[in-house]
PDB file of N, CA and C in Angstrom:
ATOM      1  N   MET A   1       2.187  15.102  -8.182  1.00  0.00           N
ATOM      2  CA  MET A   1       3.110  14.041  -7.958  1.00  0.00           C
ATOM      3  C   MET A   1       3.254  13.350  -9.346  1.00  0.00           C
ATOM      4  N   ASP A   2       4.418  13.209  -9.766  1.00  0.00           N
ATOM      5  CA  ASP A   2       4.715  12.462 -10.910  1.00  0.00           C
ATOM      6  C   ASP A   2       5.013  10.909 -10.518  1.00  0.00           C
ATOM      7  N   LYS A   3       4.023   9.987 -10.999  1.00  0.00           N
ATOM      8  CA  LYS A   3       4.173   8.706 -10.563  1.00  0.00           C
ATOM      9  C   LYS A   3       5.287   7.958 -11.071  1.00  0.00           C
ATOM     10  N   LEU A   4       5.858   8.331 -12.234  1.00  0.00           N
ATOM     11  CA  LEU A   4       7.153   7.874 -12.762  1.00  0.00           C
ATOM     12  C   LEU A   4       8.321   8.138 -11.711  1.00  0.00           C
ATOM     13  N   SER A   5       8.314   9.432 -11.324  1.00  0.00           N
ATOM     14  CA  SER A   5       9.397   9.841 -10.386  1.00  0.00           C
ATOM     15  C   SER A   5       9.129   8.980  -9.056  1.00  0.00           C
ATOM     16  N   VAL A   6       8.013   8.801  -8.677  1.00  0.00           N
ATOM     17  CA  VAL A   6       7.774   7.918  -7.434  1.00  0.00           C
ATOM     18  C   VAL A   6       8.241   6.543  -7.739  1.00  0.00           C
ATOM     19  N   LEU A   7       8.066   5.902  -8.895  1.00  0.00           N
ATOM     20  CA  LEU A   7       8.580   4.575  -9.106  1.00  0.00           C
ATOM     21  C   LEU A   7      10.136   4.490  -9.015  1.00  0.00           C
ATOM     22  N   ALA A   8      10.733   5.555  -9.643  1.00  0.00           N
ATOM     23  CA  ALA A   8      12.171   5.614  -9.640  1.00  0.00           C
ATOM     24  C   ALA A   8      12.711   5.682  -8.188  1.00  0.00           C
ATOM     25  N   ASP A   9      11.980   6.585  -7.382  1.00  0.00           N
ATOM     26  CA  ASP A   9      12.389   6.628  -5.947  1.00  0.00           C
ATOM     27  C   ASP A   9      12.151   5.257  -5.190  1.00  0.00           C
ATOM     28  N   PHE A  10      11.051   4.552  -5.643  1.00  0.00           N
ATOM     29  CA  PHE A  10      10.665   3.312  -5.046  1.00  0.00           C
ATOM     30  C   PHE A  10      11.925   2.366  -5.311  1.00  0.00           C
ATOM     31  N   GLU A  11      12.271   2.327  -6.586  1.00  0.00           N
ATOM     32  CA  GLU A  11      13.395   1.517  -6.994  1.00  0.00           C
ATOM     33  C   GLU A  11      14.578   1.747  -6.127  1.00  0.00           C
ATOM     34  N   LYS A  12      15.037   2.881  -5.925  1.00  0.00           N
ATOM     35  CA  LYS A  12      16.258   3.284  -5.143  1.00  0.00           C
ATOM     36  C   LYS A  12      15.943   2.706  -3.604  1.00  0.00           C
ATOM     37  N   ARG A  13      14.827   3.194  -3.091  1.00  0.00           N
ATOM     38  CA  ARG A  13      14.700   2.803  -1.637  1.00  0.00           C
ATOM     39  C   ARG A  13      14.591   1.227  -1.444  1.00  0.00           C
ATOM     40  N   ALA A  14      14.128   0.621  -2.534  1.00  0.00           N
ATOM     41  CA  ALA A  14      13.789  -0.803  -2.080  1.00  0.00           C
ATOM     42  C   ALA A  14      15.063  -1.729  -2.641  1.00  0.00           C
ATOM     43  N   GLU A  15      15.750  -1.064  -3.253  1.00  0.00           N
ATOM     44  CA  GLU A  15      17.244  -1.776  -3.666  1.00  0.00           C
ATOM     45  C   GLU A  15      17.880  -2.420  -2.335  1.00  0.00           C
ATOM     46  N   GLY A  16      17.998  -3.633  -2.476  1.00  0.00           N
ATOM     47  CA  GLY A  16      18.796  -4.397  -1.300  1.00  0.00           C
ATOM     48  C   GLY A  16      17.838  -4.687  -0.172  1.00  0.00           C
ATOM     49  N   GLU A  17      16.632  -4.258  -0.207  1.00  0.00           N
ATOM     50  CA  GLU A  17      15.682  -4.687   0.923  1.00  0.00           C
ATOM     51  C   GLU A  17      14.953  -5.934   0.811  1.00  0.00           C
ATOM     52  N   GLU A  18      15.138  -6.585  -0.312  1.00  0.00           N
ATOM     53  CA  GLU A  18      14.614  -7.885  -0.433  1.00  0.00           C
ATOM     54  C   GLU A  18      13.081  -7.892  -0.174  1.00  0.00           C
ATOM     55  N   LEU A  19      12.192  -6.950  -0.815  1.00  0.00           N
ATOM     56  CA  LEU A  19      10.845  -6.926  -0.579  1.00  0.00           C
ATOM     57  C   LEU A  19      10.125  -8.171  -1.073  1.00  0.00           C
ATOM     58  N   GLU A  20       9.088  -8.504  -0.500  1.00  0.00           N
ATOM     59  CA  GLU A  20       8.447  -9.691  -1.001  1.00  0.00           C
ATOM     60  C   GLU A  20       7.502  -9.288  -2.185  1.00  0.00           C
ATOM     61  N   ASN A  21       7.160 -10.245  -2.988  1.00  0.00           N
ATOM     62  CA  ASN A  21       6.312  -9.858  -4.204  1.00  0.00           C
ATOM     63  C   ASN A  21       4.982  -9.136  -3.783  1.00  0.00           C
ATOM     64  N   ASP A  22       4.310  -9.696  -2.642  1.00  0.00           N
ATOM     65  CA  ASP A  22       3.226  -9.002  -2.217  1.00  0.00           C
ATOM     66  C   ASP A  22       3.423  -7.495  -1.815  1.00  0.00           C
ATOM     67  N   GLU A  23       4.471  -7.149  -1.222  1.00  0.00           N
ATOM     68  CA  GLU A  23       4.735  -5.876  -0.811  1.00  0.00           C
ATOM     69  C   GLU A  23       4.958  -4.937  -2.042  1.00  0.00           C
ATOM     70  N   VAL A  24       5.610  -5.427  -3.087  1.00  0.00           N
ATOM     71  CA  VAL A  24       5.816  -4.652  -4.262  1.00  0.00           C
ATOM     72  C   VAL A  24       4.453  -4.545  -4.918  1.00  0.00           C
ATOM     73  N   ARG A  25       3.796  -5.535  -4.984  1.00  0.00           N
ATOM     74  CA  ARG A  25       2.440  -5.438  -5.720  1.00  0.00           C
ATOM     75  C   ARG A  25       1.444  -4.474  -4.838  1.00  0.00           C
ATOM     76  N   LEU A  26       1.524  -4.484  -3.576  1.00  0.00           N
ATOM     77  CA  LEU A  26       0.732  -3.655  -2.694  1.00  0.00           C
ATOM     78  C   LEU A  26       1.150  -2.048  -3.099  1.00  0.00           C
ATOM     79  N   PHE A  27       2.344  -1.793  -3.031  1.00  0.00           N
ATOM     80  CA  PHE A  27       2.767  -0.396  -3.421  1.00  0.00           C
ATOM     81  C   PHE A  27       2.391  -0.028  -4.771  1.00  0.00           C
ATOM     82  N   LEU A  28       2.470  -0.905  -5.676  1.00  0.00           N
ATOM     83  CA  LEU A  28       2.075  -0.530  -6.959  1.00  0.00           C
ATOM     84  C   LEU A  28       0.592  -0.271  -7.052  1.00  0.00           C
ATOM     85  N   LEU A  29      -0.172  -1.096  -6.303  1.00  0.00           N
ATOM     86  CA  LEU A  29      -1.625  -0.876  -6.261  1.00  0.00           C
ATOM     87  C   LEU A  29      -2.034   0.265  -5.608  1.00  0.00           C
ATOM     88  N   LEU A  30      -1.243   0.728  -4.498  1.00  0.00           N
ATOM     89  CA  LEU A  30      -1.565   2.055  -3.809  1.00  0.00           C
ATOM     90  C   LEU A  30      -1.097   3.156  -4.707  1.00  0.00           C
ATOM     91  N   LEU A  31      -0.029   3.061  -5.494  1.00  0.00           N
ATOM     92  CA  LEU A  31       0.271   4.124  -6.296  1.00  0.00           C
ATOM     93  C   LEU A  31      -0.659   4.379  -7.467  1.00  0.00           C
ATOM     94  N   VAL A  32      -1.271   3.285  -7.953  1.00  0.00           N
ATOM     95  CA  VAL A  32      -2.281   3.378  -9.082  1.00  0.00           C
ATOM     96  C   VAL A  32      -3.542   4.046  -8.560  1.00  0.00           C
ATOM     97  N   THR A  33      -3.917   3.732  -7.349  1.00  0.00           N
ATOM     98  CA  THR A  33      -5.235   4.279  -6.861  1.00  0.00           C
ATOM     99  C   THR A  33      -5.050   5.558  -6.127  1.00  0.00           C
ATOM    100  N   TYR A  34      -3.856   6.186  -5.990  1.00  0.00           N
ATOM    101  CA  TYR A  34      -3.524   7.350  -5.324  1.00  0.00           C
ATOM    102  C   TYR A  34      -4.096   8.658  -6.048  1.00  0.00           C
ATOM    103  N   ASP A  35      -4.682   9.559  -5.216  1.00  0.00           N
ATOM    104  CA  ASP A  35      -5.257  10.806  -5.833  1.00  0.00           C
ATOM    105  C   ASP A  35      -4.237  11.911  -5.513  1.00  0.00           C
ATOM    106  N   SER A  36      -3.328  12.397  -6.549  1.00  0.00           N
ATOM    107  CA  SER A  36      -2.409  13.271  -6.300  1.00  0.00           C
ATOM    108  C   SER A  36      -2.893  14.672  -5.820  1.00  0.00           C
ATOM    109  N   GLU A  37      -4.014  14.986  -6.412  1.00  0.00           N
ATOM    110  CA  GLU A  37      -4.555  16.321  -6.030  1.00  0.00           C
ATOM    111  C   GLU A  37      -4.994  16.370  -4.610  1.00  0.00           C
ATOM    112  N   ARG A  38      -5.594  15.355  -4.033  1.00  0.00           N
ATOM    113  CA  ARG A  38      -6.076  15.258  -2.728  1.00  0.00           C
ATOM    114  C   ARG A  38      -4.845  14.869  -1.772  1.00  0.00           C
ATOM    115  N   GLN A  39      -3.755  14.388  -2.306  1.00  0.00           N
ATOM    116  CA  GLN A  39      -2.701  13.980  -1.482  1.00  0.00           C
ATOM    117  C   GLN A  39      -2.881  12.790  -0.620  1.00  0.00           C
ATOM    118  N   CYS A  40      -3.836  11.842  -1.016  1.00  0.00           N
ATOM    119  CA  CYS A  40      -4.107  10.839  -0.355  1.00  0.00           C
ATOM    120  C   CYS A  40      -4.778   9.803  -1.227  1.00  0.00           C
ATOM    121  N   GLY A  41      -4.801   8.554  -0.806  1.00  0.00           N
ATOM    122  CA  GLY A  41      -5.475   7.472  -1.644  1.00  0.00           C
ATOM    123  C   GLY A  41      -6.410   6.732  -0.611  1.00  0.00           C
ATOM    124  N   GLU A  42      -7.482   6.146  -1.164  1.00  0.00           N
ATOM    125  CA  GLU A  42      -8.448   5.340  -0.545  1.00  0.00           C
ATOM    126  C   GLU A  42      -8.635   4.048  -1.388  1.00  0.00           C
ATOM    127  N   ILE A  43      -8.671   2.961  -0.751  1.00  0.00           N
ATOM    128  CA  ILE A  43      -8.797   1.609  -1.377  1.00  0.00           C
ATOM    129  C   ILE A  43      -9.478   0.684  -0.486  1.00  0.00           C
ATOM    130  N   ARG A  44     -10.360   0.080  -1.077  1.00  0.00           N
ATOM    131  CA  ARG A  44     -11.118  -0.956  -0.300  1.00  0.00           C
ATOM    132  C   ARG A  44     -10.549  -2.398  -0.166  1.00  0.00           C
ATOM    133  N   ARG A  45     -10.696  -2.815   0.981  1.00  0.00           N
ATOM    134  CA  ARG A  45     -10.132  -4.215   1.275  1.00  0.00           C
ATOM    135  C   ARG A  45     -10.400  -5.254   0.097  1.00  0.00           C
ATOM    136  N   GLY A  46     -11.534  -5.231  -0.601  1.00  0.00           N
ATOM    137  CA  GLY A  46     -11.861  -6.156  -1.589  1.00  0.00           C
ATOM    138  C   GLY A  46     -10.954  -5.820  -2.739  1.00  0.00           C
ATOM    139  N   ALA A  47     -10.670  -4.741  -3.075  1.00  0.00           N
ATOM    140  CA  ALA A  47      -9.657  -4.381  -4.143  1.00  0.00           C
ATOM    141  C   ALA A  47      -8.300  -4.956  -3.927  1.00  0.00           C
ATOM    142  N   ILE A  48      -7.870  -4.756  -2.578  1.00  0.00           N
ATOM    143  CA  ILE A  48      -6.519  -5.319  -2.325  1.00  0.00           C
ATOM    144  C   ILE A  48      -6.561  -7.037  -2.337  1.00  0.00           C
ATOM    145  N   ALA A  49      -7.684  -7.528  -1.867  1.00  0.00           N
ATOM    146  CA  ALA A  49      -7.811  -8.952  -1.917  1.00  0.00           C
ATOM    147  C   ALA A  49      -7.805  -9.529  -3.338  1.00  0.00           C
ATOM    148  N   ALA A  50      -8.470  -8.693  -4.267  1.00  0.00           N
ATOM    149  CA  ALA A  50      -8.585  -9.205  -5.643  1.00  0.00           C
ATOM    150  C   ALA A  50      -7.166  -9.010  -6.310  1.00  0.00           C
ATOM    151  N   ALA A  51      -6.339  -8.105  -5.944  1.00  0.00           N
ATOM    152  CA  ALA A  51      -5.089  -8.051  -6.536  1.00  0.00           C
ATOM    153  C   ALA A  51      -4.035  -8.824  -5.957  1.00  0.00           C
ATOM    154  N   LEU A  52      -4.146  -9.212  -4.636  1.00  0.00           N
ATOM    155  CA  LEU A  52      -3.021  -9.845  -4.002  1.00  0.00           C
ATOM    156  C   LEU A  52      -3.546 -11.257  -3.675  1.00  0.00           C
ATOM    157  N   ALA A  53      -4.454 -11.507  -2.901  1.00  0.00           N
ATOM    158  CA  ALA A  53      -4.989 -12.691  -2.471  1.00  0.00           C
ATOM    159  C   ALA A  53      -5.726 -12.619  -1.157  1.00  0.00           C
ATOM    160  N   ARG A  54      -6.743 -13.588  -1.163  1.00  0.00           N
ATOM    161  CA  ARG A  54      -7.374 -13.274   0.237  1.00  0.00           C
ATOM    162  C   ARG A  54      -6.711 -13.882   1.503  1.00  0.00           C
ATOM    163  N   GLY A  55      -5.787 -14.721   1.276  1.00  0.00           N
ATOM    164  CA  GLY A  55      -4.945 -15.283   2.165  1.00  0.00           C
ATOM    165  C   GLY A  55      -3.953 -14.364   2.761  1.00  0.00           C
ATOM    166  N   PHE A  56      -3.826 -13.048   2.186  1.00  0.00           N
ATOM    167  CA  PHE A  56      -2.932 -12.018   2.412  1.00  0.00           C
ATOM    168  C   PHE A  56      -3.327 -11.441   3.753  1.00  0.00           C
ATOM    169  N   PHE A  57      -4.528 -11.457   4.127  1.00  0.00           N
ATOM    170  CA  PHE A  57      -5.088 -10.806   5.316  1.00  0.00           C
ATOM    171  C   PHE A  57      -5.010 -11.514   6.537  1.00  0.00           C
ATOM    172  N   PRO A  58      -4.927 -10.999   7.599  1.00  0.00           N
ATOM    173  CA  PRO A  58      -4.634  -9.559   8.009  1.00  0.00           C
ATOM    174  C   PRO A  58      -3.196  -9.342   8.185  1.00  0.00           C
ATOM    175  N   ALA A  59      -2.450 -10.524   8.429  1.00  0.00           N
ATOM    176  CA  ALA A  59      -1.036 -10.327   8.837  1.00  0.00           C
ATOM    177  C   ALA A  59      -0.174 -10.009   7.773  1.00  0.00           C
ATOM    178  N   GLY A  60      -0.343 -10.399   6.637  1.00  0.00           N
ATOM    179  CA  GLY A  60       0.386  -9.909   5.346  1.00  0.00           C
ATOM    180  C   GLY A  60       0.219  -8.479   5.022  1.00  0.00           C
ATOM    181  N   LEU A  61      -1.099  -8.058   5.225  1.00  0.00           N
ATOM    182  CA  LEU A  61      -1.275  -6.617   4.884  1.00  0.00           C
ATOM    183  C   LEU A  61      -0.586  -5.836   5.864  1.00  0.00           C
ATOM    184  N   ASN A  62      -0.740  -6.118   7.140  1.00  0.00           N
ATOM    185  CA  ASN A  62      -0.049  -5.461   8.187  1.00  0.00           C
ATOM    186  C   ASN A  62       1.520  -5.311   8.070  1.00  0.00           C
ATOM    187  N   ARG A  63       2.012  -6.507   7.774  1.00  0.00           N
ATOM    188  CA  ARG A  63       3.476  -6.557   7.524  1.00  0.00           C
ATOM    189  C   ARG A  63       3.888  -5.696   6.401  1.00  0.00           C
ATOM    190  N   ALA A  64       3.220  -5.795   5.165  1.00  0.00           N
ATOM    191  CA  ALA A  64       3.585  -5.000   4.030  1.00  0.00           C
ATOM    192  C   ALA A  64       3.486  -3.493   4.365  1.00  0.00           C
ATOM    193  N   CYS A  65       2.366  -3.115   5.054  1.00  0.00           N
ATOM    194  CA  CYS A  65       2.315  -1.752   5.308  1.00  0.00           C
ATOM    195  C   CYS A  65       3.378  -1.121   6.211  1.00  0.00           C
ATOM    196  N   ARG A  66       3.771  -1.893   7.279  1.00  0.00           N
ATOM    197  CA  ARG A  66       4.748  -1.546   8.132  1.00  0.00           C
ATOM    198  C   ARG A  66       6.324  -1.420   7.359  1.00  0.00           C
ATOM    199  N   ARG A  67       6.469  -2.526   6.503  1.00  0.00           N
ATOM    200  CA  ARG A  67       7.680  -2.402   5.685  1.00  0.00           C
ATOM    201  C   ARG A  67       7.679  -1.122   4.835  1.00  0.00           C
ATOM    202  N   LEU A  68       6.643  -0.905   4.029  1.00  0.00           N
ATOM    203  CA  LEU A  68       6.468   0.216   3.285  1.00  0.00           C
ATOM    204  C   LEU A  68       6.697   1.526   3.877  1.00  0.00           C
ATOM    205  N   SER A  69       6.084   1.625   5.159  1.00  0.00           N
ATOM    206  CA  SER A  69       6.232   2.763   5.913  1.00  0.00           C
ATOM    207  C   SER A  69       7.687   3.020   6.519  1.00  0.00           C
ATOM    208  N   ALA A  70       8.316   1.785   6.870  1.00  0.00           N
ATOM    209  CA  ALA A  70       9.734   1.880   7.313  1.00  0.00           C
ATOM    210  C   ALA A  70      10.692   2.505   6.295  1.00  0.00           C
ATOM    211  N   LEU A  71      10.358   2.151   4.946  1.00  0.00           N
ATOM    212  CA  LEU A  71      11.140   2.586   3.912  1.00  0.00           C
ATOM    213  C   LEU A  71      10.875   4.048   3.523  1.00  0.00           C
ATOM    214  N   GLY A  72       9.802   4.667   4.170  1.00  0.00           N
ATOM    215  CA  GLY A  72       9.536   5.948   3.735  1.00  0.00           C
ATOM    216  C   GLY A  72       8.703   6.138   2.499  1.00  0.00           C
ATOM    217  N   LEU A  73       8.024   4.930   2.140  1.00  0.00           N
ATOM    218  CA  LEU A  73       7.267   5.033   0.774  1.00  0.00           C
ATOM    219  C   LEU A  73       5.845   5.290   0.950  1.00  0.00           C
ATOM    220  N   SER A  74       5.122   4.820   1.964  1.00  0.00           N
ATOM    221  CA  SER A  74       3.754   5.049   2.206  1.00  0.00           C
ATOM    222  C   SER A  74       3.348   5.076   3.766  1.00  0.00           C
ATOM    223  N   GLU A  75       2.229   5.630   3.938  1.00  0.00           N
ATOM    224  CA  GLU A  75       1.716   5.632   5.375  1.00  0.00           C
ATOM    225  C   GLU A  75       0.252   5.323   5.447  1.00  0.00           C
ATOM    226  N   VAL A  76      -0.120   4.592   6.211  1.00  0.00           N
ATOM    227  CA  VAL A  76      -1.564   4.301   6.339  1.00  0.00           C
ATOM    228  C   VAL A  76      -2.092   5.398   7.371  1.00  0.00           C
ATOM    229  N   VAL A  77      -3.139   6.098   6.861  1.00  0.00           N
ATOM    230  CA  VAL A  77      -3.635   7.086   7.673  1.00  0.00           C
ATOM    231  C   VAL A  77      -4.906   6.645   8.437  1.00  0.00           C
ATOM    232  N   LEU A  78      -5.585   5.800   7.769  1.00  0.00           N
ATOM    233  CA  LEU A  78      -6.784   5.237   8.470  1.00  0.00           C
ATOM    234  C   LEU A  78      -6.946   3.800   8.020  1.00  0.00           C
ATOM    235  N   ALA A  79      -6.718   2.899   8.911  1.00  0.00           N
ATOM    236  CA  ALA A  79      -6.867   1.446   8.658  1.00  0.00           C
ATOM    237  C   ALA A  79      -8.199   0.978   9.103  1.00  0.00           C
ATOM    238  N   PRO A  80      -8.799  -0.185   8.516  1.00  0.00           N
ATOM    239  CA  PRO A  80      -9.996  -0.744   8.900  1.00  0.00           C
ATOM    240  C   PRO A  80      -9.901  -1.191  10.282  1.00  0.00           C
ATOM    241  N   PRO A  81     -10.781  -0.939  11.144  1.00  0.00           N
ATOM    242  CA  PRO A  81     -10.732  -1.341  12.582  1.00  0.00           C
ATOM    243  C   PRO A  81     -10.542  -2.889  12.725  1.00  0.00           C
ATOM    244  N   GLU A  82      -9.831  -3.389  13.690  1.00  0.00           N
ATOM    245  CA  GLU A  82      -9.540  -4.676  14.055  1.00  0.00           C
ATOM    246  C   GLU A  82     -10.847  -5.483  13.929  1.00  0.00           C
ATOM    247  N   GLY A  83     -10.830  -6.596  13.420  1.00  0.00           N
ATOM    248  CA  GLY A  83     -11.975  -7.486  13.299  1.00  0.00           C
ATOM    249  C   GLY A  83     -12.866  -7.088  11.962  1.00  0.00           C
ATOM    250  N   ILE A  84     -12.674  -6.145  11.446  1.00  0.00           N
ATOM    251  CA  ILE A  84     -13.574  -5.756  10.176  1.00  0.00           C
ATOM    252  C   ILE A  84     -13.000  -6.494   9.164  1.00  0.00           C
ATOM    253  N   THR A  85     -13.763  -7.439   8.654  1.00  0.00           N
ATOM    254  CA  THR A  85     -13.251  -8.327   7.412  1.00  0.00           C
ATOM    255  C   THR A  85     -14.036  -8.255   6.226  1.00  0.00           C
ATOM    256  N   GLY A  86     -15.021  -7.188   6.148  1.00  0.00           N
ATOM    257  CA  GLY A  86     -15.726  -7.092   4.989  1.00  0.00           C
ATOM    258  C   GLY A  86     -14.878  -6.418   3.848  1.00  0.00           C
ATOM    259  N   GLU A  87     -15.386  -6.726   2.591  1.00  0.00           N
ATOM    260  CA  GLU A  87     -14.652  -6.217   1.411  1.00  0.00           C
ATOM    261  C   GLU A  87     -14.729  -4.638   1.286  1.00  0.00           C
ATOM    262  N   ASP A  88     -15.766  -4.122   1.960  1.00  0.00           N
ATOM    263  CA  ASP A  88     -15.882  -2.663   1.782  1.00  0.00           C
ATOM    264  C   ASP A  88     -15.134  -1.907   2.814  1.00  0.00           C
ATOM    265  N   ALA A  89     -14.468  -2.588   3.664  1.00  0.00           N
ATOM    266  CA  ALA A  89     -13.607  -1.908   4.675  1.00  0.00           C
ATOM    267  C   ALA A  89     -12.602  -1.035   3.942  1.00  0.00           C
ATOM    268  N   LEU A  90     -12.510   0.281   4.398  1.00  0.00           N
ATOM    269  CA  LEU A  90     -11.779   1.325   3.614  1.00  0.00           C
ATOM    270  C   LEU A  90     -10.394   1.562   4.329  1.00  0.00           C
ATOM    271  N   MET A  91      -9.259   1.537   3.437  1.00  0.00           N
ATOM    272  CA  MET A  91      -8.007   2.011   4.035  1.00  0.00           C
ATOM    273  C   MET A  91      -7.714   3.304   3.216  1.00  0.00           C
ATOM    274  N   VAL A  92      -7.175   4.293   4.153  1.00  0.00           N
ATOM    275  CA  VAL A  92      -6.890   5.625   3.628  1.00  0.00           C
ATOM    276  C   VAL A  92      -5.310   5.731   3.818  1.00  0.00           C
ATOM    277  N   TYR A  93      -4.527   6.132   2.856  1.00  0.00           N
ATOM    278  CA  TYR A  93      -3.063   6.121   2.878  1.00  0.00           C
ATOM    279  C   TYR A  93      -2.531   7.431   2.254  1.00  0.00           C
ATOM    280  N   ARG A  94      -1.301   7.558   2.270  1.00  0.00           N
ATOM    281  CA  ARG A  94      -0.439   8.626   1.684  1.00  0.00           C
ATOM    282  C   ARG A  94       0.793   7.874   1.000  1.00  0.00           C
ATOM    283  N   ILE A  95       1.167   8.455  -0.046  1.00  0.00           N
ATOM    284  CA  ILE A  95       2.446   7.963  -0.587  1.00  0.00           C
ATOM    285  C   ILE A  95       3.501   9.022  -0.217  1.00  0.00           C
ATOM    286  N   LEU A  96       4.517   8.682   0.247  1.00  0.00           N
ATOM    287  CA  LEU A  96       5.415   9.592   1.077  1.00  0.00           C
ATOM    288  C   LEU A  96       6.693  10.102   0.032  1.00  0.00           C
ATOM    289  N   THR A  97       6.925   9.481  -1.032  1.00  0.00           N
ATOM    290  CA  THR A  97       7.967   9.842  -1.811  1.00  0.00           C
ATOM    291  C   THR A  97       7.692  11.030  -2.767  1.00  0.00           C
TER     292      THR A  97
END
C-alpha cells in the first residue's frame, strides 16, 4: 500500500464531510502505524491518548472510528473491551483505501 495514495484518497473521501480535527489526526495516526505487509495495524490506547488527548476517550474515539468506517477509510477489527481503560489496551485495525 502506498501511503501517499491513501492520503490522496482520504482527501477525496473526506472532502465536504467536515471531519473534526481529532478524526483527521486519528486517521493520520492509524496510517503512520499501519503495517502494509500484514495489512493491519495495532496501536495502544496510550499512543492514541498521547497524540490526541486523554479527554478523547471513550466517546470521541468511538465516534471517530465510526465516522472513518462510514467513509470507507478504516475499520476497527478488535477494539479494547468495554471498561478497559489502561494505556496498554490494544486496538487492531485495517486501512480500507
